[in-house]
Protein backbone atom coordinates (compact mmCIF):
# COMPACT_ATOMS: atom_id res chain seq x y z
CA UNK A 1 -4.45 -7.99 -15.34
CA UNK A 2 -2.66 -6.04 -12.64
CA UNK A 3 -3.69 -4.53 -9.32
CA UNK A 4 -2.21 -1.24 -8.15
CA UNK A 5 -2.06 -2.16 -4.48
CA UNK A 6 -1.26 1.34 -3.20
CA UNK A 7 -2.25 4.69 -4.65
CA UNK A 8 -3.85 7.95 -3.52
CA UNK A 9 -6.69 8.62 -5.94
CA UNK A 10 -8.08 11.33 -3.65
CA UNK A 11 -5.04 13.58 -3.97
CA UNK A 12 -5.37 16.81 -5.91
CA UNK A 13 -3.12 15.59 -8.73
CA UNK A 14 -5.47 12.70 -9.59
CA UNK A 15 -8.99 13.29 -8.23
CA UNK A 16 -10.01 16.03 -10.71
CA UNK A 17 -9.16 13.77 -13.67
CA UNK A 18 -10.30 10.47 -12.19
CA UNK A 19 -12.33 9.44 -15.26
CA UNK A 20 -9.31 9.77 -17.55
CA UNK A 21 -7.03 8.16 -14.96
CA UNK A 22 -9.38 5.21 -14.71
CA UNK A 23 -9.61 4.81 -18.48
CA UNK A 24 -5.83 4.83 -18.86
CA UNK A 25 -5.48 2.29 -16.07
CA UNK A 26 -7.94 -0.06 -17.77
CA UNK A 27 -6.12 0.35 -21.08
CA UNK A 28 -2.90 -0.70 -19.34
CA UNK A 29 -4.56 -3.78 -17.85
CA UNK A 30 -4.93 -2.32 -14.34
CA UNK A 31 -8.52 -3.11 -13.44
CA UNK A 32 -8.39 -2.70 -9.67
CA UNK A 33 -6.72 -0.24 -7.31
CA UNK A 34 -6.43 0.13 -3.57
CA UNK A 35 -6.67 3.81 -2.69
CA UNK A 36 -5.12 4.53 0.66
CA UNK A 37 -6.62 6.99 3.11
CA UNK A 38 -4.18 8.83 5.34
CA UNK A 39 -6.56 10.57 7.76
CA UNK A 40 -10.30 10.63 8.34
CA UNK A 41 -11.00 13.46 5.87
CA UNK A 42 -8.98 11.70 3.17
CA UNK A 43 -10.74 8.41 3.86
CA UNK A 44 -14.14 10.06 3.43
CA UNK A 45 -13.03 11.53 0.10
CA UNK A 46 -12.01 8.07 -1.01
CA UNK A 47 -15.35 6.57 -0.07
CA UNK A 48 -17.16 9.22 -2.09
CA UNK A 49 -14.80 8.83 -5.04
CA UNK A 50 -15.34 5.09 -5.34
CA UNK A 51 -19.12 5.11 -5.06
CA UNK A 52 -19.61 4.32 -8.75
CA UNK A 53 -16.38 2.37 -9.36
CA UNK A 54 -16.42 -1.23 -8.17
CA UNK A 55 -12.72 -1.61 -8.99
CA UNK A 56 -11.64 0.74 -6.19
CA UNK A 57 -10.87 -0.81 -2.81
CA UNK A 58 -9.74 0.94 0.35
CA UNK A 59 -7.10 0.90 3.02
CA UNK A 60 -7.90 3.29 5.85
CA UNK A 61 -5.50 4.52 8.47
CA UNK A 62 -3.62 7.40 10.03
CA UNK A 63 -0.35 8.13 8.25
CA UNK A 64 2.62 8.86 10.54
CA UNK A 65 2.74 12.37 9.08
CA UNK A 66 -0.79 12.90 10.43
CA UNK A 67 -0.18 11.26 13.80
CA UNK A 68 0.47 14.54 15.57
CA UNK A 69 -2.98 15.88 14.78
CA UNK A 70 -4.83 12.59 15.29
CA UNK A 71 -6.81 13.26 18.43
CA UNK A 72 -8.91 10.70 20.27
CA UNK A 73 -11.99 11.60 18.26
CA UNK A 74 -10.26 10.85 14.97
CA UNK A 75 -8.81 7.59 16.25
CA UNK A 76 -12.23 6.49 17.43
CA UNK A 77 -13.71 7.46 14.06
CA UNK A 78 -11.14 5.23 12.36
CA UNK A 79 -12.00 2.38 14.70
CA UNK A 80 -15.70 2.86 14.05
CA UNK A 81 -15.15 2.85 10.29
CA UNK A 82 -13.34 -0.48 10.49
CA UNK A 83 -15.94 -1.93 12.86
CA UNK A 84 -18.86 -0.84 10.69
CA UNK A 85 -17.85 0.22 7.15
CA UNK A 86 -21.46 0.19 5.97
CA UNK A 87 -22.28 2.84 8.53
CA UNK A 88 -19.93 5.17 6.66
CA UNK A 89 -21.37 4.27 3.27
CA UNK A 90 -18.68 1.75 2.29
CA UNK A 91 -19.35 -1.87 1.41
CA UNK A 92 -17.48 -3.98 3.97
CA UNK A 93 -15.79 -6.11 1.31
CA UNK A 94 -14.18 -2.99 -0.15
CA UNK A 95 -12.41 -1.99 3.07
CA UNK A 96 -9.44 -4.32 2.86
CA UNK A 97 -6.69 -3.06 5.19
CA UNK A 98 -5.66 -0.84 8.07
CA UNK A 99 -3.12 1.80 7.05
CA UNK A 100 -1.04 3.15 5.87
CA UNK A 101 0.48 3.38 9.30
CA UNK A 102 3.97 3.15 10.71
CA UNK A 103 6.86 5.46 11.49
CA UNK A 104 8.61 8.17 9.47
CA UNK A 105 11.94 9.34 10.89
CA UNK A 106 12.91 11.18 7.70
CA UNK A 107 10.51 14.10 7.97
CA UNK A 108 9.51 13.76 11.64
CA UNK A 109 6.32 15.73 10.98
CA UNK A 110 5.02 14.28 14.26
CA UNK A 111 7.05 13.48 17.39
CA UNK A 112 8.39 9.94 17.25
CA UNK A 113 6.76 8.86 20.49
CA UNK A 114 3.40 10.14 19.23
CA UNK A 115 3.87 8.33 15.93
CA UNK A 116 4.49 5.10 17.80
CA UNK A 117 1.42 5.47 20.00
CA UNK A 118 -0.79 5.99 16.93
CA UNK A 119 0.97 3.14 15.11
CA UNK A 120 0.39 0.70 17.97
CA UNK A 121 -3.23 1.77 18.25
CA UNK A 122 -3.76 0.78 14.63
CA UNK A 123 -1.99 -2.55 15.04
CA UNK A 124 -4.39 -3.39 17.85
CA UNK A 125 -7.26 -2.29 15.61
CA UNK A 126 -6.07 -4.53 12.78
CA UNK A 127 -5.98 -7.50 15.12
CA UNK A 128 -9.48 -6.74 16.37
CA UNK A 129 -11.09 -6.33 12.94
CA UNK A 130 -8.94 -9.05 11.31
CA UNK A 131 -7.62 -6.93 8.47
CA UNK A 132 -4.06 -6.79 7.18
CA UNK A 133 -1.78 -3.82 7.80
CA UNK A 134 -0.13 -1.53 5.24
CA UNK A 135 3.18 -0.25 6.63
CA UNK A 136 4.86 3.08 5.95
CA UNK A 137 8.48 2.99 7.13
CA UNK A 138 11.03 5.62 6.16
CA UNK A 139 14.40 5.65 7.91
CA UNK A 140 12.57 3.77 10.65
CA UNK A 141 12.43 0.24 9.31
CA UNK A 142 14.31 -1.43 12.16
CA UNK A 143 12.15 0.22 14.80
CA UNK A 144 9.02 -0.70 12.85
CA UNK A 145 10.15 -4.33 12.82
CA UNK A 146 10.90 -4.15 16.54
CA UNK A 147 7.36 -2.91 17.22
CA UNK A 148 5.76 -5.47 14.92
CA UNK A 149 7.65 -8.24 16.68
CA UNK A 150 5.48 -7.51 19.73
CA UNK A 151 2.35 -8.46 17.73
CA UNK A 152 3.12 -11.98 16.44
CA UNK A 153 -0.52 -12.59 15.57
CA UNK A 154 0.04 -10.24 12.61
CA UNK A 155 2.45 -12.65 10.95
CA UNK A 156 1.44 -13.06 7.28
CA UNK A 157 -0.78 -9.97 7.55
CA UNK A 158 1.72 -7.10 7.12
CA UNK A 159 3.03 -5.54 3.91
CA UNK A 160 5.89 -3.07 3.70
CA UNK A 161 4.53 -0.61 1.14
CA UNK A 162 7.04 1.09 -1.17
CA UNK A 163 9.78 -1.21 0.03
CA UNK A 164 12.98 0.82 -0.16
CA UNK A 165 15.45 -1.21 1.87
CA UNK A 166 18.17 -3.60 0.92
CA UNK A 167 18.44 -7.38 1.13
CA UNK A 168 19.20 -7.48 4.88
CA UNK A 169 16.02 -5.59 5.76
CA UNK A 170 14.08 -7.65 3.23
CA UNK A 171 15.31 -10.85 4.84
CA UNK A 172 14.31 -9.66 8.31
CA UNK A 173 10.83 -8.69 7.12
CA UNK A 174 10.37 -11.92 5.18
CA UNK A 175 11.57 -14.02 8.09
CA UNK A 176 8.93 -12.31 10.23
CA UNK A 177 6.30 -13.45 7.74
CA UNK A 178 5.74 -10.09 6.08
CA UNK A 179 5.22 -9.10 2.45
CA UNK A 180 7.08 -6.63 0.23
CA UNK A 181 5.46 -4.24 -2.24
CA UNK A 182 7.56 -2.45 -4.84
CA UNK A 183 7.03 0.92 -6.52
CA UNK A 184 8.74 2.61 -9.44
CA UNK A 185 11.68 3.36 -7.14
CA UNK A 186 13.02 -0.10 -8.00
CA UNK A 187 13.54 1.14 -11.58
CA UNK A 188 15.68 4.11 -10.55
CA UNK A 189 19.37 4.14 -11.44
CA UNK A 190 20.56 4.31 -7.82
CA UNK A 191 18.27 1.53 -6.53
CA UNK A 192 20.73 -1.39 -6.57
CA UNK A 193 19.93 -2.35 -2.97
CA UNK A 194 16.18 -2.39 -3.65
CA UNK A 195 16.72 -4.51 -6.73
CA UNK A 196 18.76 -6.95 -4.66
CA UNK A 197 15.84 -7.17 -2.23
CA UNK A 198 13.44 -7.77 -5.12
CA UNK A 199 15.59 -10.62 -6.37
CA UNK A 200 15.50 -12.48 -3.07
CA UNK A 201 11.78 -11.93 -2.42
CA UNK A 202 9.81 -15.17 -2.84
CA UNK A 203 7.29 -14.98 -5.69
CA UNK A 204 4.38 -15.52 -3.31
CA UNK A 205 5.36 -12.56 -1.06
CA UNK A 206 5.66 -9.81 -3.68
CA UNK A 207 3.21 -7.12 -4.82
CA UNK A 208 3.43 -4.06 -7.06
CA UNK A 209 2.10 -0.55 -6.59
CA UNK A 210 2.52 3.02 -7.78
CA UNK A 211 2.12 5.17 -4.64
CA UNK A 212 0.58 7.56 -7.18
CA UNK A 213 0.70 10.50 -7.57
CA UNK A 214 4.34 10.02 -6.52
CA UNK A 215 7.31 7.94 -7.69
CA UNK A 216 6.64 7.43 -11.40
CA UNK A 217 8.84 4.59 -12.72
CA UNK A 218 11.24 4.61 -15.60
CA UNK A 219 10.66 5.13 -18.50
CA UNK A 220 7.94 7.62 -17.51
CA UNK A 221 9.73 9.06 -14.49
CA UNK A 222 9.50 12.62 -15.79
CA UNK A 223 5.74 12.41 -16.24
CA UNK A 224 3.72 14.05 -13.47
CA UNK A 225 1.63 12.87 -11.80
CA UNK A 226 2.26 9.18 -11.48
CA UNK A 227 -0.94 7.16 -11.96
CA UNK A 228 -2.15 3.55 -11.66
CA UNK A 229 -1.57 2.76 -15.35
CA UNK A 230 2.16 3.12 -14.76
CA UNK A 231 2.30 0.13 -12.41
CA UNK A 232 2.65 -1.91 -15.59
CA UNK A 233 6.14 -0.42 -16.12
CA UNK A 234 7.21 -1.48 -12.64
CA UNK A 235 5.80 -4.97 -13.15
CA UNK A 236 7.58 -5.37 -16.49
CA UNK A 237 10.85 -4.18 -14.97
CA UNK A 238 10.62 -6.61 -12.07
CA UNK A 239 9.70 -9.51 -14.32
CA UNK A 240 12.75 -8.82 -16.49
CA UNK A 241 14.98 -8.36 -13.43
CA UNK A 242 13.87 -11.72 -12.03
CA UNK A 243 14.01 -13.35 -15.48
CA UNK A 244 10.35 -14.30 -15.30
CA UNK A 245 7.71 -14.27 -18.01
CA UNK A 246 5.79 -11.01 -17.71
CA UNK A 247 2.33 -12.55 -18.02
CA UNK A 248 3.17 -15.12 -15.36
CA UNK A 249 4.60 -12.41 -13.10
CA UNK A 250 1.47 -10.30 -13.52
CA UNK A 251 -0.75 -13.27 -12.66
CA UNK A 252 1.36 -14.08 -9.60
CA UNK A 253 1.36 -10.55 -8.16
CA UNK A 254 -2.36 -10.24 -8.81
CA UNK A 255 -3.02 -13.53 -7.03
CA UNK A 256 -0.81 -12.36 -4.17
CA UNK A 257 -2.81 -9.13 -3.81
CA UNK A 258 -6.08 -11.06 -3.89
CA UNK A 259 -4.85 -13.39 -1.17
CA UNK A 260 -3.30 -10.73 1.06
CA UNK A 261 -6.15 -8.20 0.87
CA UNK A 262 -8.99 -10.70 0.51
CA UNK A 263 -10.01 -9.35 -2.89
CA UNK A 264 -12.32 -11.33 -5.15
CA UNK A 265 -10.38 -13.60 -7.47
CA UNK A 266 -9.86 -12.58 -11.07
CA UNK A 267 -12.34 -14.12 -13.46
CA UNK A 268 -10.65 -16.13 -16.17
């Protein structure tokens, strides 16, 4: 069994066909997913979507792309959701992380100083509610690490989602006590640096994800949209890359996700 630790089931490419998406995921051995909310409206859609699906868990945060429009009211709504998930109609055990949050210097959809203010606000929130943090970092990884270094209590409680750096960045993140999560990007032809990072990642610090509906892995890269079932391709690729038995690799990454996000353990 696998866990897709990062997807966006609320997005237009997936939400209208969620029944079929869920069936295909189950057929591929993906029984649980963490759908990631990127602003308050998206988080509410996710809560509604998962009402009848116990296999859907949630991360809730303000994406750096949305930081520029995240006013005080929205930030307080996020804080209230994490303080009292049941008050928003979500079982507390199914809200498993703060994020995704971080910095994006590739698109710069929000001013960088504003992104950092919103990022820091969510780090403080994660400390207060004792939930792990899902990090988005694009062309900003060193600054993200610099900021995280100011919050040492978050050691062991941070995952770099869609890790896209090389071995030097991986080593810095790992030395800080963080986790790495890999998408289908690791299967791409030009991803030698990411593969080098995946090879040095300790087996107990690695997770797999799709970031669906984006970043479909080989050999289904041309299929749109990406969906949770395809995380199996990424897992198989990584197991082969690391010369590990696939079943053992799947068990290990599942156990890692359970430990990091506080998910119920898989029943044998």
